[in-house]
Amino acid sequence: QVQLVESGGGLVQPGGSLRLSCAASGRDFSMYDMAWYRQTPGKQRESVAVITSGGTTTYADSVKGRFTISKDNLKNTLYLQMNSLKPDDTAVYLCYARWFFKNYWGQGTQVTVSS
């Protein structure tokens, strides 16, 4: 069983930065494929950034060059560094892990970008 707990969300002005964290419990963290998704009311959940167990990363076009996903296998923690934030980035951000053919989700953390 894998449990995921996000933190680091909040209110930030346009152009600002935030770093989200996702602490994972469970075995073999280094073997997880992980991702950050975001969800806004009335919209489909969107994949923002993905990192495989091998360290390969991919990003949604809307965040390329602004967001960076990373994984610390010693701390069992996934990160999302978000720079140059825009109002359109406002959403609940959810941590996702896939391990042994099962999907796991965190509860989410709210990010609001507004002046």
PDB file of N, CA and C in Angstrom:
ATOM      1  N   GLN A   1       0.843  -1.188   0.000  1.00  0.00           N
ATOM      2  CA  GLN A   1       0.000   0.000   0.000  1.00  0.00           C
ATOM      3  C   GLN A   1       0.880   1.240   0.000  1.00  0.00           C
ATOM      4  N   VAL A   2       0.455   2.236  -0.776  1.00  0.00           N
ATOM      5  CA  VAL A   2       1.200   3.486  -0.889  1.00  0.00           C
ATOM      6  C   VAL A   2       0.284   4.628  -0.456  1.00  0.00           C
ATOM      7  N   GLN A   3       0.791   5.478   0.419  1.00  0.00           N
ATOM      8  CA  GLN A   3       0.058   6.688   0.797  1.00  0.00           C
ATOM      9  C   GLN A   3       0.854   7.899   0.361  1.00  0.00           C
ATOM     10  N   LEU A   4       0.134   8.877  -0.175  1.00  0.00           N
ATOM     11  CA  LEU A   4       0.762  10.081  -0.712  1.00  0.00           C
ATOM     12  C   LEU A   4       0.170  11.311  -0.034  1.00  0.00           C
ATOM     13  N   VAL A   5       1.022  12.202   0.439  1.00  0.00           N
ATOM     14  CA  VAL A   5       0.559  13.413   1.117  1.00  0.00           C
ATOM     15  C   VAL A   5       1.256  14.621   0.509  1.00  0.00           C
ATOM     16  N   GLU A   6       0.455  15.496  -0.100  1.00  0.00           N
ATOM     17  CA  GLU A   6       0.995  16.696  -0.726  1.00  0.00           C
ATOM     18  C   GLU A   6       1.067  17.852   0.267  1.00  0.00           C
ATOM     19  N   SER A   7       1.973  18.771  -0.009  1.00  0.00           N
ATOM     20  CA  SER A   7       2.075  20.004   0.765  1.00  0.00           C
ATOM     21  C   SER A   7       2.730  21.063  -0.117  1.00  0.00           C
ATOM     22  N   GLY A   8       2.657  22.324   0.345  1.00  0.00           N
ATOM     23  CA  GLY A   8       3.355  23.389  -0.350  1.00  0.00           C
ATOM     24  C   GLY A   8       2.472  24.315  -1.170  1.00  0.00           C
ATOM     25  N   GLY A   9       1.195  24.006  -1.264  1.00  0.00           N
ATOM     26  CA  GLY A   9       0.302  24.880  -2.011  1.00  0.00           C
ATOM     27  C   GLY A   9       0.045  26.174  -1.271  1.00  0.00           C
ATOM     28  N   GLY A  10      -0.637  27.093  -1.942  1.00  0.00           N
ATOM     29  CA  GLY A  10      -0.957  28.366  -1.312  1.00  0.00           C
ATOM     30  C   GLY A  10      -1.340  29.414  -2.327  1.00  0.00           C
ATOM     31  N   LEU A  11      -1.372  30.654  -1.865  1.00  0.00           N
ATOM     32  CA  LEU A  11      -1.698  31.799  -2.712  1.00  0.00           C
ATOM     33  C   LEU A  11      -0.401  32.499  -3.120  1.00  0.00           C
ATOM     34  N   VAL A  12      -0.259  32.763  -4.408  1.00  0.00           N
ATOM     35  CA  VAL A  12       0.949  33.416  -4.906  1.00  0.00           C
ATOM     36  C   VAL A  12       0.546  34.395  -6.000  1.00  0.00           C
ATOM     37  N   GLN A  13       1.310  35.464  -6.140  1.00  0.00           N
ATOM     38  CA  GLN A  13       1.032  36.443  -7.185  1.00  0.00           C
ATOM     39  C   GLN A  13       1.522  35.941  -8.538  1.00  0.00           C
ATOM     40  N   PRO A  14       0.924  36.425  -9.606  1.00  0.00           N
ATOM     41  CA  PRO A  14       1.432  36.069 -10.943  1.00  0.00           C
ATOM     42  C   PRO A  14       2.922  36.390 -11.054  1.00  0.00           C
ATOM     43  N   GLY A  15       3.663  35.453 -11.662  1.00  0.00           N
ATOM     44  CA  GLY A  15       5.111  35.602 -11.775  1.00  0.00           C
ATOM     45  C   GLY A  15       5.874  34.998 -10.624  1.00  0.00           C
ATOM     46  N   GLY A  16       5.180  34.607  -9.580  1.00  0.00           N
ATOM     47  CA  GLY A  16       5.824  34.044  -8.406  1.00  0.00           C
ATOM     48  C   GLY A  16       6.141  32.564  -8.561  1.00  0.00           C
ATOM     49  N   SER A  17       6.662  31.988  -7.464  1.00  0.00           N
ATOM     50  CA  SER A  17       7.082  30.587  -7.463  1.00  0.00           C
ATOM     51  C   SER A  17       6.530  29.861  -6.255  1.00  0.00           C
ATOM     52  N   LEU A  18       6.350  28.560  -6.429  1.00  0.00           N
ATOM     53  CA  LEU A  18       5.989  27.667  -5.333  1.00  0.00           C
ATOM     54  C   LEU A  18       6.688  26.338  -5.572  1.00  0.00           C
ATOM     55  N   ARG A  19       6.956  25.612  -4.485  1.00  0.00           N
ATOM     56  CA  ARG A  19       7.447  24.247  -4.608  1.00  0.00           C
ATOM     57  C   ARG A  19       6.500  23.314  -3.870  1.00  0.00           C
ATOM     58  N   LEU A  20       5.931  22.395  -4.616  1.00  0.00           N
ATOM     59  CA  LEU A  20       5.057  21.381  -4.034  1.00  0.00           C
ATOM     60  C   LEU A  20       5.875  20.152  -3.660  1.00  0.00           C
ATOM     61  N   SER A  21       5.463  19.504  -2.584  1.00  0.00           N
ATOM     62  CA  SER A  21       6.093  18.260  -2.149  1.00  0.00           C
ATOM     63  C   SER A  21       5.034  17.181  -2.011  1.00  0.00           C
ATOM     64  N   CYS A  22       5.456  15.944  -2.237  1.00  0.00           N
ATOM     65  CA  CYS A  22       4.569  14.792  -2.058  1.00  0.00           C
ATOM     66  C   CYS A  22       5.365  13.725  -1.307  1.00  0.00           C
ATOM     67  N   ALA A  23       5.013  13.527  -0.056  1.00  0.00           N
ATOM     68  CA  ALA A  23       5.692  12.525   0.766  1.00  0.00           C
ATOM     69  C   ALA A  23       4.991  11.187   0.603  1.00  0.00           C
ATOM     70  N   ALA A  24       5.772  10.167   0.312  1.00  0.00           N
ATOM     71  CA  ALA A  24       5.210   8.844   0.065  1.00  0.00           C
ATOM     72  C   ALA A  24       5.610   7.867   1.153  1.00  0.00           C
ATOM     73  N   SER A  25       4.655   7.041   1.552  1.00  0.00           N
ATOM     74  CA  SER A  25       4.959   5.934   2.459  1.00  0.00           C
ATOM     75  C   SER A  25       4.781   4.649   1.679  1.00  0.00           C
ATOM     76  N   GLY A  26       5.530   3.655   2.018  1.00  0.00           N
ATOM     77  CA  GLY A  26       5.459   2.413   1.277  1.00  0.00           C
ATOM     78  C   GLY A  26       6.853   1.975   0.864  1.00  0.00           C
ATOM     79  N   ARG A  27       6.922   0.759   0.366  1.00  0.00           N
ATOM     80  CA  ARG A  27       8.216   0.216  -0.004  1.00  0.00           C
ATOM     81  C   ARG A  27       8.640   0.656  -1.402  1.00  0.00           C
ATOM     82  N   ASP A  28       9.919   0.521  -1.667  1.00  0.00           N
ATOM     83  CA  ASP A  28      10.454   0.611  -3.034  1.00  0.00           C
ATOM     84  C   ASP A  28      10.101   1.906  -3.746  1.00  0.00           C
ATOM     85  N   PHE A  29      10.191   3.023  -3.043  1.00  0.00           N
ATOM     86  CA  PHE A  29       9.850   4.327  -3.639  1.00  0.00           C
ATOM     87  C   PHE A  29      10.594   4.549  -4.940  1.00  0.00           C
ATOM     88  N   SER A  30      11.827   4.118  -5.017  1.00  0.00           N
ATOM     89  CA  SER A  30      12.627   4.367  -6.220  1.00  0.00           C
ATOM     90  C   SER A  30      12.032   3.688  -7.448  1.00  0.00           C
ATOM     91  N   MET A  31      11.161   2.715  -7.239  1.00  0.00           N
ATOM     92  CA  MET A  31      10.577   1.995  -8.365  1.00  0.00           C
ATOM     93  C   MET A  31       9.262   2.604  -8.847  1.00  0.00           C
ATOM     94  N   TYR A  32       8.786   3.642  -8.157  1.00  0.00           N
ATOM     95  CA  TYR A  32       7.515   4.231  -8.554  1.00  0.00           C
ATOM     96  C   TYR A  32       7.691   5.104  -9.796  1.00  0.00           C
ATOM     97  N   ASP A  33       6.770   5.004 -10.742  1.00  0.00           N
ATOM     98  CA  ASP A  33       6.567   6.054 -11.728  1.00  0.00           C
ATOM     99  C   ASP A  33       5.622   7.057 -11.080  1.00  0.00           C
ATOM    100  N   MET A  34       5.938   8.333 -11.180  1.00  0.00           N
ATOM    101  CA  MET A  34       5.145   9.332 -10.464  1.00  0.00           C
ATOM    102  C   MET A  34       4.812  10.513 -11.345  1.00  0.00           C
ATOM    103  N   ALA A  35       3.829  11.277 -10.907  1.00  0.00           N
ATOM    104  CA  ALA A  35       3.405  12.418 -11.708  1.00  0.00           C
ATOM    105  C   ALA A  35       2.677  13.428 -10.829  1.00  0.00           C
ATOM    106  N   TRP A  36       2.579  14.617 -11.345  1.00  0.00           N
ATOM    107  CA  TRP A  36       1.704  15.655 -10.803  1.00  0.00           C
ATOM    108  C   TRP A  36       0.581  15.895 -11.802  1.00  0.00           C
ATOM    109  N   TYR A  37      -0.636  15.915 -11.279  1.00  0.00           N
ATOM    110  CA  TYR A  37      -1.812  16.280 -12.055  1.00  0.00           C
ATOM    111  C   TYR A  37      -2.407  17.528 -11.429  1.00  0.00           C
ATOM    112  N   ARG A  38      -3.302  18.179 -12.191  1.00  0.00           N
ATOM    113  CA  ARG A  38      -4.051  19.277 -11.621  1.00  0.00           C
ATOM    114  C   ARG A  38      -5.493  19.215 -12.086  1.00  0.00           C
ATOM    115  N   GLN A  39      -6.352  19.756 -11.233  1.00  0.00           N
ATOM    116  CA  GLN A  39      -7.785  19.696 -11.503  1.00  0.00           C
ATOM    117  C   GLN A  39      -8.421  21.028 -11.142  1.00  0.00           C
ATOM    118  N   THR A  40      -9.264  21.524 -12.051  1.00  0.00           N
ATOM    119  CA  THR A  40     -10.067  22.708 -11.776  1.00  0.00           C
ATOM    120  C   THR A  40     -11.527  22.327 -11.979  1.00  0.00           C
ATOM    121  N   PRO A  41     -12.445  23.016 -11.300  1.00  0.00           N
ATOM    122  CA  PRO A  41     -13.866  22.671 -11.419  1.00  0.00           C
ATOM    123  C   PRO A  41     -14.337  22.709 -12.866  1.00  0.00           C
ATOM    124  N   GLY A  42     -15.026  21.685 -13.294  1.00  0.00           N
ATOM    125  CA  GLY A  42     -15.594  21.646 -14.624  1.00  0.00           C
ATOM    126  C   GLY A  42     -14.624  21.228 -15.710  1.00  0.00           C
ATOM    127  N   LYS A  43     -13.387  20.947 -15.338  1.00  0.00           N
ATOM    128  CA  LYS A  43     -12.393  20.538 -16.336  1.00  0.00           C
ATOM    129  C   LYS A  43     -11.888  19.141 -16.014  1.00  0.00           C
ATOM    130  N   GLN A  44     -11.391  18.476 -17.041  1.00  0.00           N
ATOM    131  CA  GLN A  44     -10.819  17.151 -16.863  1.00  0.00           C
ATOM    132  C   GLN A  44      -9.487  17.262 -16.133  1.00  0.00           C
ATOM    133  N   ARG A  45      -9.177  16.258 -15.337  1.00  0.00           N
ATOM    134  CA  ARG A  45      -7.884  16.226 -14.660  1.00  0.00           C
ATOM    135  C   ARG A  45      -6.777  16.201 -15.704  1.00  0.00           C
ATOM    136  N   GLU A  46      -5.762  17.037 -15.494  1.00  0.00           N
ATOM    137  CA  GLU A  46      -4.711  17.226 -16.493  1.00  0.00           C
ATOM    138  C   GLU A  46      -3.364  16.775 -15.942  1.00  0.00           C
ATOM    139  N   SER A  47      -2.631  16.016 -16.737  1.00  0.00           N
ATOM    140  CA  SER A  47      -1.266  15.647 -16.368  1.00  0.00           C
ATOM    141  C   SER A  47      -0.357  16.842 -16.579  1.00  0.00           C
ATOM    142  N   VAL A  48       0.380  17.211 -15.552  1.00  0.00           N
ATOM    143  CA  VAL A  48       1.257  18.379 -15.614  1.00  0.00           C
ATOM    144  C   VAL A  48       2.700  17.959 -15.886  1.00  0.00           C
ATOM    145  N   ALA A  49       3.171  16.965 -15.137  1.00  0.00           N
ATOM    146  CA  ALA A  49       4.556  16.520 -15.259  1.00  0.00           C
ATOM    147  C   ALA A  49       4.661  15.082 -14.785  1.00  0.00           C
ATOM    148  N   VAL A  50       5.516  14.322 -15.461  1.00  0.00           N
ATOM    149  CA  VAL A  50       5.694  12.901 -15.168  1.00  0.00           C
ATOM    150  C   VAL A  50       7.179  12.619 -14.978  1.00  0.00           C
ATOM    151  N   ILE A  51       7.488  11.748 -14.034  1.00  0.00           N
ATOM    152  CA  ILE A  51       8.856  11.264 -13.884  1.00  0.00           C
ATOM    153  C   ILE A  51       8.806   9.756 -13.702  1.00  0.00           C
ATOM    154  N   THR A  52       9.555   9.047 -14.517  1.00  0.00           N
ATOM    155  CA  THR A  52       9.566   7.593 -14.425  1.00  0.00           C
ATOM    156  C   THR A  52      10.555   7.135 -13.352  1.00  0.00           C
ATOM    157  N   SER A  53      10.497   5.854 -13.035  1.00  0.00           N
ATOM    158  CA  SER A  53      11.442   5.313 -12.063  1.00  0.00           C
ATOM    159  C   SER A  53      12.876   5.460 -12.549  1.00  0.00           C
ATOM    160  N   GLY A  54      13.052   5.526 -13.857  1.00  0.00           N
ATOM    161  CA  GLY A  54      14.380   5.710 -14.425  1.00  0.00           C
ATOM    162  C   GLY A  54      14.827   7.158 -14.502  1.00  0.00           C
ATOM    163  N   GLY A  55      13.930   8.083 -14.145  1.00  0.00           N
ATOM    164  CA  GLY A  55      14.294   9.500 -14.124  1.00  0.00           C
ATOM    165  C   GLY A  55      13.911  10.292 -15.359  1.00  0.00           C
ATOM    166  N   THR A  56      13.256   9.649 -16.313  1.00  0.00           N
ATOM    167  CA  THR A  56      12.812  10.374 -17.504  1.00  0.00           C
ATOM    168  C   THR A  56      11.636  11.277 -17.158  1.00  0.00           C
ATOM    169  N   THR A  57      11.696  12.516 -17.623  1.00  0.00           N
ATOM    170  CA  THR A  57      10.635  13.480 -17.317  1.00  0.00           C
ATOM    171  C   THR A  57       9.929  13.944 -18.582  1.00  0.00           C
ATOM    172  N   THR A  58       8.642  14.215 -18.458  1.00  0.00           N
ATOM    173  CA  THR A  58       7.866  14.824 -19.533  1.00  0.00           C
ATOM    174  C   THR A  58       6.937  15.860 -18.910  1.00  0.00           C
ATOM    175  N   TYR A  59       6.585  16.863 -19.717  1.00  0.00           N
ATOM    176  CA  TYR A  59       5.783  17.980 -19.225  1.00  0.00           C
ATOM    177  C   TYR A  59       4.659  18.314 -20.197  1.00  0.00           C
ATOM    178  N   ALA A  60       3.578  18.829 -19.649  1.00  0.00           N
ATOM    179  CA  ALA A  60       2.538  19.393 -20.486  1.00  0.00           C
ATOM    180  C   ALA A  60       3.101  20.634 -21.186  1.00  0.00           C
ATOM    181  N   ASP A  61       2.643  20.874 -22.399  1.00  0.00           N
ATOM    182  CA  ASP A  61       3.152  22.034 -23.154  1.00  0.00           C
ATOM    183  C   ASP A  61       2.938  23.334 -22.381  1.00  0.00           C
ATOM    184  N   SER A  62       1.853  23.397 -21.624  1.00  0.00           N
ATOM    185  CA  SER A  62       1.497  24.633 -20.924  1.00  0.00           C
ATOM    186  C   SER A  62       2.459  24.984 -19.787  1.00  0.00           C
ATOM    187  N   VAL A  63       3.266  24.023 -19.350  1.00  0.00           N
ATOM    188  CA  VAL A  63       4.170  24.296 -18.222  1.00  0.00           C
ATOM    189  C   VAL A  63       5.646  24.120 -18.584  1.00  0.00           C
ATOM    190  N   LYS A  64       5.936  23.696 -19.791  1.00  0.00           N
ATOM    191  CA  LYS A  64       7.340  23.486 -20.202  1.00  0.00           C
ATOM    192  C   LYS A  64       8.149  24.760 -20.017  1.00  0.00           C
ATOM    193  N   GLY A  65       9.331  24.600 -19.436  1.00  0.00           N
ATOM    194  CA  GLY A  65      10.205  25.741 -19.213  1.00  0.00           C
ATOM    195  C   GLY A  65       9.909  26.504 -17.941  1.00  0.00           C
ATOM    196  N   ARG A  66       8.781  26.187 -17.292  1.00  0.00           N
ATOM    197  CA  ARG A  66       8.417  26.881 -16.048  1.00  0.00           C
ATOM    198  C   ARG A  66       8.383  25.939 -14.847  1.00  0.00           C
ATOM    199  N   PHE A  67       7.988  24.691 -15.066  1.00  0.00           N
ATOM    200  CA  PHE A  67       7.858  23.718 -13.976  1.00  0.00           C
ATOM    201  C   PHE A  67       8.957  22.668 -14.101  1.00  0.00           C
ATOM    202  N   THR A  68       9.394  22.169 -12.954  1.00  0.00           N
ATOM    203  CA  THR A  68      10.383  21.090 -12.921  1.00  0.00           C
ATOM    204  C   THR A  68       9.945  20.034 -11.917  1.00  0.00           C
ATOM    205  N   ILE A  69       9.856  18.792 -12.380  1.00  0.00           N
ATOM    206  CA  ILE A  69       9.522  17.676 -11.494  1.00  0.00           C
ATOM    207  C   ILE A  69      10.812  16.970 -11.101  1.00  0.00           C
ATOM    208  N   SER A  70      10.878  16.545  -9.836  1.00  0.00           N
ATOM    209  CA  SER A  70      12.056  15.822  -9.381  1.00  0.00           C
ATOM    210  C   SER A  70      11.647  14.860  -8.275  1.00  0.00           C
ATOM    211  N   LYS A  71      12.537  13.926  -7.988  1.00  0.00           N
ATOM    212  CA  LYS A  71      12.219  12.839  -7.057  1.00  0.00           C
ATOM    213  C   LYS A  71      13.450  12.574  -6.201  1.00  0.00           C
ATOM    214  N   ASP A  72      13.278  12.579  -4.892  1.00  0.00           N
ATOM    215  CA  ASP A  72      14.367  12.271  -3.976  1.00  0.00           C
ATOM    216  C   ASP A  72      14.107  10.888  -3.388  1.00  0.00           C
ATOM    217  N   ASN A  73      14.844   9.901  -3.869  1.00  0.00           N
ATOM    218  CA  ASN A  73      14.598   8.522  -3.440  1.00  0.00           C
ATOM    219  C   ASN A  73      15.063   8.255  -2.010  1.00  0.00           C
ATOM    220  N   LEU A  74      15.924   9.101  -1.475  1.00  0.00           N
ATOM    221  CA  LEU A  74      16.351   8.933  -0.082  1.00  0.00           C
ATOM    222  C   LEU A  74      15.302   9.472   0.884  1.00  0.00           C
ATOM    223  N   LYS A  75      14.595  10.506   0.463  1.00  0.00           N
ATOM    224  CA  LYS A  75      13.578  11.121   1.319  1.00  0.00           C
ATOM    225  C   LYS A  75      12.174  10.634   0.986  1.00  0.00           C
ATOM    226  N   ASN A  76      12.043   9.756   0.003  1.00  0.00           N
ATOM    227  CA  ASN A  76      10.722   9.272  -0.437  1.00  0.00           C
ATOM    228  C   ASN A  76       9.784  10.430  -0.766  1.00  0.00           C
ATOM    229  N   THR A  77      10.295  11.395  -1.483  1.00  0.00           N
ATOM    230  CA  THR A  77       9.527  12.611  -1.752  1.00  0.00           C
ATOM    231  C   THR A  77       9.611  13.013  -3.213  1.00  0.00           C
ATOM    232  N   LEU A  78       8.469  13.404  -3.746  1.00  0.00           N
ATOM    233  CA  LEU A  78       8.348  13.949  -5.094  1.00  0.00           C
ATOM    234  C   LEU A  78       8.162  15.454  -4.978  1.00  0.00           C
ATOM    235  N   TYR A  79       8.745  16.196  -5.904  1.00  0.00           N
ATOM    236  CA  TYR A  79       8.653  17.658  -5.879  1.00  0.00           C
ATOM    237  C   TYR A  79       8.140  18.189  -7.212  1.00  0.00           C
ATOM    238  N   LEU A  80       7.560  19.383  -7.145  1.00  0.00           N
ATOM    239  CA  LEU A  80       7.244  20.134  -8.351  1.00  0.00           C
ATOM    240  C   LEU A  80       7.613  21.579  -8.090  1.00  0.00           C
ATOM    241  N   GLN A  81       8.677  22.026  -8.733  1.00  0.00           N
ATOM    242  CA  GLN A  81       9.078  23.429  -8.648  1.00  0.00           C
ATOM    243  C   GLN A  81       8.327  24.199  -9.729  1.00  0.00           C
ATOM    244  N   MET A  82       7.578  25.191  -9.314  1.00  0.00           N
ATOM    245  CA  MET A  82       6.752  25.953 -10.248  1.00  0.00           C
ATOM    246  C   MET A  82       7.216  27.409 -10.236  1.00  0.00           C
ATOM    247  N   ASN A  83       7.684  27.880 -11.377  1.00  0.00           N
ATOM    248  CA  ASN A  83       8.143  29.256 -11.527  1.00  0.00           C
ATOM    249  C   ASN A  83       7.271  29.991 -12.536  1.00  0.00           C
ATOM    250  N   SER A  84       7.378  31.317 -12.532  1.00  0.00           N
ATOM    251  CA  SER A  84       6.624  32.152 -13.482  1.00  0.00           C
ATOM    252  C   SER A  84       5.157  31.756 -13.514  1.00  0.00           C
ATOM    253  N   LEU A  85       4.570  31.633 -12.354  1.00  0.00           N
ATOM    254  CA  LEU A  85       3.193  31.159 -12.266  1.00  0.00           C
ATOM    255  C   LEU A  85       2.214  32.147 -12.888  1.00  0.00           C
ATOM    256  N   LYS A  86       1.175  31.579 -13.488  1.00  0.00           N
ATOM    257  CA  LYS A  86       0.132  32.357 -14.159  1.00  0.00           C
ATOM    258  C   LYS A  86      -1.219  32.060 -13.508  1.00  0.00           C
ATOM    259  N   PRO A  87      -2.175  32.963 -13.650  1.00  0.00           N
ATOM    260  CA  PRO A  87      -3.517  32.673 -13.110  1.00  0.00           C
ATOM    261  C   PRO A  87      -4.090  31.354 -13.628  1.00  0.00           C
ATOM    262  N   ASP A  88      -3.776  30.986 -14.866  1.00  0.00           N
ATOM    263  CA  ASP A  88      -4.275  29.720 -15.427  1.00  0.00           C
ATOM    264  C   ASP A  88      -3.699  28.499 -14.731  1.00  0.00           C
ATOM    265  N   ASP A  89      -2.669  28.676 -13.919  1.00  0.00           N
ATOM    266  CA  ASP A  89      -2.104  27.553 -13.160  1.00  0.00           C
ATOM    267  C   ASP A  89      -2.904  27.259 -11.896  1.00  0.00           C
ATOM    268  N   THR A  90      -3.874  28.106 -11.591  1.00  0.00           N
ATOM    269  CA  THR A  90      -4.709  27.892 -10.405  1.00  0.00           C
ATOM    270  C   THR A  90      -5.455  26.571 -10.521  1.00  0.00           C
ATOM    271  N   ALA A  91      -5.291  25.713  -9.501  1.00  0.00           N
ATOM    272  CA  ALA A  91      -5.899  24.380  -9.531  1.00  0.00           C
ATOM    273  C   ALA A  91      -5.576  23.663  -8.230  1.00  0.00           C
ATOM    274  N   VAL A  92      -6.224  22.527  -8.041  1.00  0.00           N
ATOM    275  CA  VAL A  92      -5.786  21.569  -7.025  1.00  0.00           C
ATOM    276  C   VAL A  92      -4.755  20.663  -7.691  1.00  0.00           C
ATOM    277  N   TYR A  93      -3.591  20.571  -7.084  1.00  0.00           N
ATOM    278  CA  TYR A  93      -2.516  19.739  -7.623  1.00  0.00           C
ATOM    279  C   TYR A  93      -2.457  18.425  -6.849  1.00  0.00           C
ATOM    280  N   LEU A  94      -2.472  17.336  -7.613  1.00  0.00           N
ATOM    281  CA  LEU A  94      -2.505  16.001  -7.016  1.00  0.00           C
ATOM    282  C   LEU A  94      -1.261  15.211  -7.389  1.00  0.00           C
ATOM    283  N   CYS A  95      -0.772  14.491  -6.431  1.00  0.00           N
ATOM    284  CA  CYS A  95       0.364  13.599  -6.609  1.00  0.00           C
ATOM    285  C   CYS A  95      -0.151  12.217  -7.013  1.00  0.00           C
ATOM    286  N   TYR A  96       0.552  11.575  -7.932  1.00  0.00           N
ATOM    287  CA  TYR A  96       0.149  10.263  -8.446  1.00  0.00           C
ATOM    288  C   TYR A  96       1.364   9.338  -8.440  1.00  0.00           C
ATOM    289  N   ALA A  97       1.120   8.089  -8.091  1.00  0.00           N
ATOM    290  CA  ALA A  97       2.174   7.073  -8.164  1.00  0.00           C
ATOM    291  C   ALA A  97       1.619   5.799  -8.778  1.00  0.00           C
ATOM    292  N   ARG A  98       2.433   5.132  -9.543  1.00  0.00           N
ATOM    293  CA  ARG A  98       2.064   3.830 -10.088  1.00  0.00           C
ATOM    294  C   ARG A  98       3.144   2.834  -9.694  1.00  0.00           C
ATOM    295  N   TRP A  99       2.716   1.748  -9.069  1.00  0.00           N
ATOM    296  CA  TRP A  99       3.649   0.736  -8.568  1.00  0.00           C
ATOM    297  C   TRP A  99       2.976  -0.604  -8.612  1.00  0.00           C
ATOM    298  N   PHE A 100       3.610  -1.549  -9.227  1.00  0.00           N
ATOM    299  CA  PHE A 100       3.083  -2.903  -9.344  1.00  0.00           C
ATOM    300  C   PHE A 100       1.656  -2.904  -9.901  1.00  0.00           C
ATOM    301  N   PHE A 101       1.478  -2.157 -11.002  1.00  0.00           N
ATOM    302  CA  PHE A 101       0.229  -2.136 -11.763  1.00  0.00           C
ATOM    303  C   PHE A 101      -0.940  -1.510 -11.006  1.00  0.00           C
ATOM    304  N   LYS A 102      -0.670  -0.805  -9.907  1.00  0.00           N
ATOM    305  CA  LYS A 102      -1.727  -0.131  -9.161  1.00  0.00           C
ATOM    306  C   LYS A 102      -1.490   1.366  -9.165  1.00  0.00           C
ATOM    307  N   ASN A 103      -2.576   2.120  -9.156  1.00  0.00           N
ATOM    308  CA  ASN A 103      -2.525   3.575  -9.163  1.00  0.00           C
ATOM    309  C   ASN A 103      -2.845   4.120  -7.779  1.00  0.00           C
ATOM    310  N   TYR A 104      -2.103   5.125  -7.360  1.00  0.00           N
ATOM    311  CA  TYR A 104      -2.292   5.749  -6.055  1.00  0.00           C
ATOM    312  C   TYR A 104      -2.358   7.262  -6.233  1.00  0.00           C
ATOM    313  N   TRP A 105      -3.245   7.874  -5.441  1.00  0.00           N
ATOM    314  CA  TRP A 105      -3.435   9.326  -5.521  1.00  0.00           C
ATOM    315  C   TRP A 105      -3.346   9.952  -4.134  1.00  0.00           C
ATOM    316  N   GLY A 106      -2.825  11.174  -4.086  1.00  0.00           N
ATOM    317  CA  GLY A 106      -2.894  11.972  -2.884  1.00  0.00           C
ATOM    318  C   GLY A 106      -4.208  12.731  -2.839  1.00  0.00           C
ATOM    319  N   GLN A 107      -4.400  13.495  -1.755  1.00  0.00           N
ATOM    320  CA  GLN A 107      -5.640  14.255  -1.580  1.00  0.00           C
ATOM    321  C   GLN A 107      -5.608  15.581  -2.318  1.00  0.00           C
ATOM    322  N   GLY A 108      -4.431  16.070  -2.631  1.00  0.00           N
ATOM    323  CA  GLY A 108      -4.318  17.316  -3.381  1.00  0.00           C
ATOM    324  C   GLY A 108      -3.971  18.511  -2.512  1.00  0.00           C
ATOM    325  N   THR A 109      -3.379  19.511  -3.136  1.00  0.00           N
ATOM    326  CA  THR A 109      -3.063  20.772  -2.466  1.00  0.00           C
ATOM    327  C   THR A 109      -3.459  21.912  -3.403  1.00  0.00           C
ATOM    328  N   GLN A 110      -4.102  22.918  -2.840  1.00  0.00           N
ATOM    329  CA  GLN A 110      -4.629  24.028  -3.649  1.00  0.00           C
ATOM    330  C   GLN A 110      -3.526  25.023  -3.974  1.00  0.00           C
ATOM    331  N   VAL A 111      -3.436  25.386  -5.233  1.00  0.00           N
ATOM    332  CA  VAL A 111      -2.551  26.462  -5.686  1.00  0.00           C
ATOM    333  C   VAL A 111      -3.421  27.540  -6.312  1.00  0.00           C
ATOM    334  N   THR A 112      -3.307  28.754  -5.807  1.00  0.00           N
ATOM    335  CA  THR A 112      -4.066  29.880  -6.334  1.00  0.00           C
ATOM    336  C   THR A 112      -3.107  30.977  -6.752  1.00  0.00           C
ATOM    337  N   VAL A 113      -3.183  31.358  -8.020  1.00  0.00           N
ATOM    338  CA  VAL A 113      -2.317  32.406  -8.551  1.00  0.00           C
ATOM    339  C   VAL A 113      -3.192  33.625  -8.835  1.00  0.00           C
ATOM    340  N   SER A 114      -3.005  34.654  -8.046  1.00  0.00           N
ATOM    341  CA  SER A 114      -3.866  35.828  -8.155  1.00  0.00           C
ATOM    342  C   SER A 114      -3.183  37.037  -7.544  1.00  0.00           C
ATOM    343  N   SER A 115      -3.478  38.200  -8.114  1.00  0.00           N
ATOM    344  CA  SER A 115      -2.956  39.440  -7.550  1.00  0.00           C
ATOM    345  C   SER A 115      -3.966  40.050  -6.575  1.00  0.00           C
TER     346      SER A 115
END
